Protein backbone atom coordinates (compact mmCIF):
# COMPACT_ATOMS: atom_id res chain seq x y z
CA UNK A 1 0.00 0.00 0.00
CA UNK A 2 2.75 2.44 0.88
CA UNK A 3 4.27 2.17 -2.60
CA UNK A 4 1.21 3.86 -4.08
CA UNK A 5 2.42 7.28 -2.89
CA UNK A 6 5.69 6.72 -4.75
CA UNK A 7 3.76 5.64 -7.87
CA UNK A 8 1.37 8.61 -7.72
CA UNK A 9 4.20 11.08 -7.28
CA UNK A 10 6.15 9.50 -10.15
CA UNK A 11 3.04 9.97 -12.25
CA UNK A 12 2.90 13.62 -11.14
CA UNK A 13 6.47 14.14 -12.37
CA UNK A 14 5.67 12.45 -15.70
CA UNK A 15 2.57 14.64 -16.06
CA UNK A 16 4.66 17.75 -15.41
CA UNK A 17 7.09 16.72 -18.17
CA UNK A 18 4.27 16.16 -20.63
CA UNK A 19 2.72 19.52 -19.64
CA UNK A 20 6.06 21.11 -20.56
CA UNK A 21 5.87 19.38 -23.95
CA UNK A 22 2.36 20.76 -24.49
CA UNK A 23 3.46 24.24 -23.43
CA UNK A 24 6.36 24.08 -25.89
CA UNK A 25 4.10 22.92 -28.72
CA UNK A 26 1.62 25.70 -27.96
CA UNK A 27 4.40 28.30 -27.93
CA UNK A 28 5.66 26.96 -31.27
CA UNK A 29 2.09 26.94 -32.62
CA UNK A 30 2.58 23.32 -33.66
CA UNK A 31 -0.86 21.76 -34.12
CA UNK A 32 0.73 18.33 -34.52
CA UNK A 33 2.82 18.72 -31.34
CA UNK A 34 -0.18 19.99 -29.41
CA UNK A 35 -2.30 17.07 -30.61
CA UNK A 36 0.37 14.58 -29.56
CA UNK A 37 0.83 16.13 -26.11
CA UNK A 38 -2.93 16.38 -25.52
CA UNK A 39 -3.40 12.72 -26.41
CA UNK A 40 -0.57 11.65 -24.10
CA UNK A 41 -1.81 13.82 -21.24
CA UNK A 42 -5.35 12.55 -21.57
CA UNK A 43 -4.16 8.95 -21.40
CA UNK A 44 -1.83 9.64 -18.48
CA UNK A 45 -4.51 11.49 -16.52
CA UNK A 46 -7.10 8.78 -17.16
CA UNK A 47 -4.71 6.19 -15.74
CA UNK A 48 -3.83 8.46 -12.81
CA UNK A 49 -7.44 9.26 -11.90
CA UNK A 50 -8.36 5.56 -12.15
CA UNK A 51 -5.48 4.56 -9.87
CA UNK A 52 -6.55 7.12 -7.31
CA UNK A 53 -10.20 6.07 -7.44
CA UNK A 54 -9.64 2.30 -7.36
CA UNK A 55 -6.46 1.75 -5.37
CA UNK A 56 -5.64 4.89 -3.39
CA UNK A 57 -8.90 6.18 -1.96
CA UNK A 58 -10.78 3.01 -0.92
CA UNK A 59 -8.25 1.79 1.69
CA UNK A 60 -7.34 5.37 2.62
CA UNK A 61 -10.93 6.34 3.34
CA UNK A 62 -11.50 3.19 5.34
CA UNK A 63 -8.43 3.68 7.51
CA UNK A 64 -8.73 7.43 8.01
CA UNK A 65 -12.37 7.12 9.05
CA UNK A 66 -11.36 4.79 11.89
CA UNK A 67 -8.06 6.40 12.84
CA UNK A 68 -8.59 10.15 12.55
CA UNK A 69 -12.10 11.64 12.27
CA UNK A 70 -10.74 15.17 11.70
CA UNK A 71 -8.43 14.09 8.88
CA UNK A 72 -11.31 12.02 7.51
CA UNK A 73 -13.23 15.22 6.71
CA UNK A 74 -10.30 16.55 4.72
CA UNK A 75 -9.71 13.28 2.88
CA UNK A 76 -13.42 13.08 1.99
CA UNK A 77 -13.24 16.61 0.62
CA UNK A 78 -10.18 15.73 -1.49
CA UNK A 79 -12.01 12.65 -2.79
CA UNK A 80 -15.13 14.61 -3.71
CA UNK A 81 -13.05 17.30 -5.37
CA UNK A 82 -11.12 14.69 -7.35
CA UNK A 83 -14.34 13.55 -8.95
CA UNK A 84 -15.21 17.11 -9.98
CA UNK A 85 -11.70 17.93 -11.16
CA UNK A 86 -11.38 14.69 -13.15
CA UNK A 87 -14.70 15.35 -14.88
CA UNK A 88 -13.66 18.91 -15.77
CA UNK A 89 -10.17 18.02 -16.95
CA UNK A 90 -11.34 15.08 -19.04
CA UNK A 91 -14.12 17.26 -20.50
CA UNK A 92 -11.41 19.68 -21.65
CA UNK A 93 -9.70 16.85 -23.55
CA UNK A 94 -12.99 15.74 -25.12
CA UNK A 95 -13.69 19.31 -26.29
CA UNK A 96 -10.30 19.41 -27.99
CA UNK A 97 -10.38 15.90 -29.42
CA UNK A 98 -9.68 15.34 -33.10
CA UNK A 99 -7.80 17.39 -35.62
CA UNK A 100 -6.64 20.80 -34.43
CA UNK A 101 -6.81 23.77 -36.70
CA UNK A 102 -3.81 26.06 -36.20
CA UNK A 103 -6.15 29.07 -36.08
CA UNK A 104 -7.80 27.66 -32.93
CA UNK A 105 -4.57 27.09 -30.98
CA UNK A 106 -4.82 30.43 -29.18
CA UNK A 107 -8.35 29.55 -28.06
CA UNK A 108 -7.14 26.16 -26.84
CA UNK A 109 -4.20 27.83 -25.09
CA UNK A 110 -6.52 30.11 -23.12
CA UNK A 111 -8.67 27.22 -21.97
CA UNK A 112 -5.57 25.13 -21.25
CA UNK A 113 -4.18 27.81 -18.91
CA UNK A 114 -7.32 27.56 -16.76
CA UNK A 115 -7.25 23.75 -16.81
CA UNK A 116 -3.55 23.72 -15.96
CA UNK A 117 -4.07 26.05 -13.01
CA UNK A 118 -6.65 23.67 -11.52
CA UNK A 119 -4.57 20.58 -12.27
CA UNK A 120 -1.29 22.02 -10.95
CA UNK A 121 -2.97 23.19 -7.77
CA UNK A 122 -4.45 19.77 -7.24
CA UNK A 123 -1.13 17.95 -7.70
CA UNK A 124 0.59 20.38 -5.32
CA UNK A 125 -2.14 20.01 -2.68
CA UNK A 126 -2.09 16.22 -2.91
CA UNK A 127 1.63 16.14 -2.23
CA UNK A 128 1.66 18.78 0.52
CA UNK A 129 -1.57 17.90 2.35
CA UNK A 130 -3.08 14.56 1.34
CA UNK A 131 -0.04 12.33 0.92
CA UNK A 132 1.42 13.19 4.35
CA UNK A 133 -1.85 12.08 5.98
CA UNK A 134 -1.65 8.83 4.05
CA UNK A 135 1.99 8.28 5.10
CA UNK A 136 1.07 8.98 8.73
CA UNK A 137 -1.62 6.29 8.61
CA UNK A 138 0.11 3.67 6.46
CA UNK A 139 3.79 4.42 7.08
CA UNK A 140 6.41 5.91 4.82
CA UNK A 141 6.99 4.29 1.43
CA UNK A 142 10.12 2.18 1.21
CA UNK A 143 13.14 4.04 -0.12
CA UNK A 144 14.71 2.90 -3.35
């Protein structure tokens, strides 16, 4: 169970790298590069959200409810917000699915900035607030 924090944070780093690829493609106004990065990010985020929903939250919610009622409220809030954030982020990718016209890249870029702000904030908050609660309840992940 403890290894899941390591896995989630590795996924965060991989997401950050792919975000940088998308940002570079947007700056270069490369429709092909943007399409590639969007497709990769959508796949990565789908896997990440699924891992959180199926393997991270169920045991976490069960343990935190028994061990720490105050932390339980916070973890429940994170879980509820994940569902909303995942729906919004994945909706962004659905809106921008298919062939991209270079003329629409600036429109996509504006919407992406808003999506990125939400996503970046979520990743930061998970690592600074949520993951430490998990480690406190389950123990620190083994070091490599």
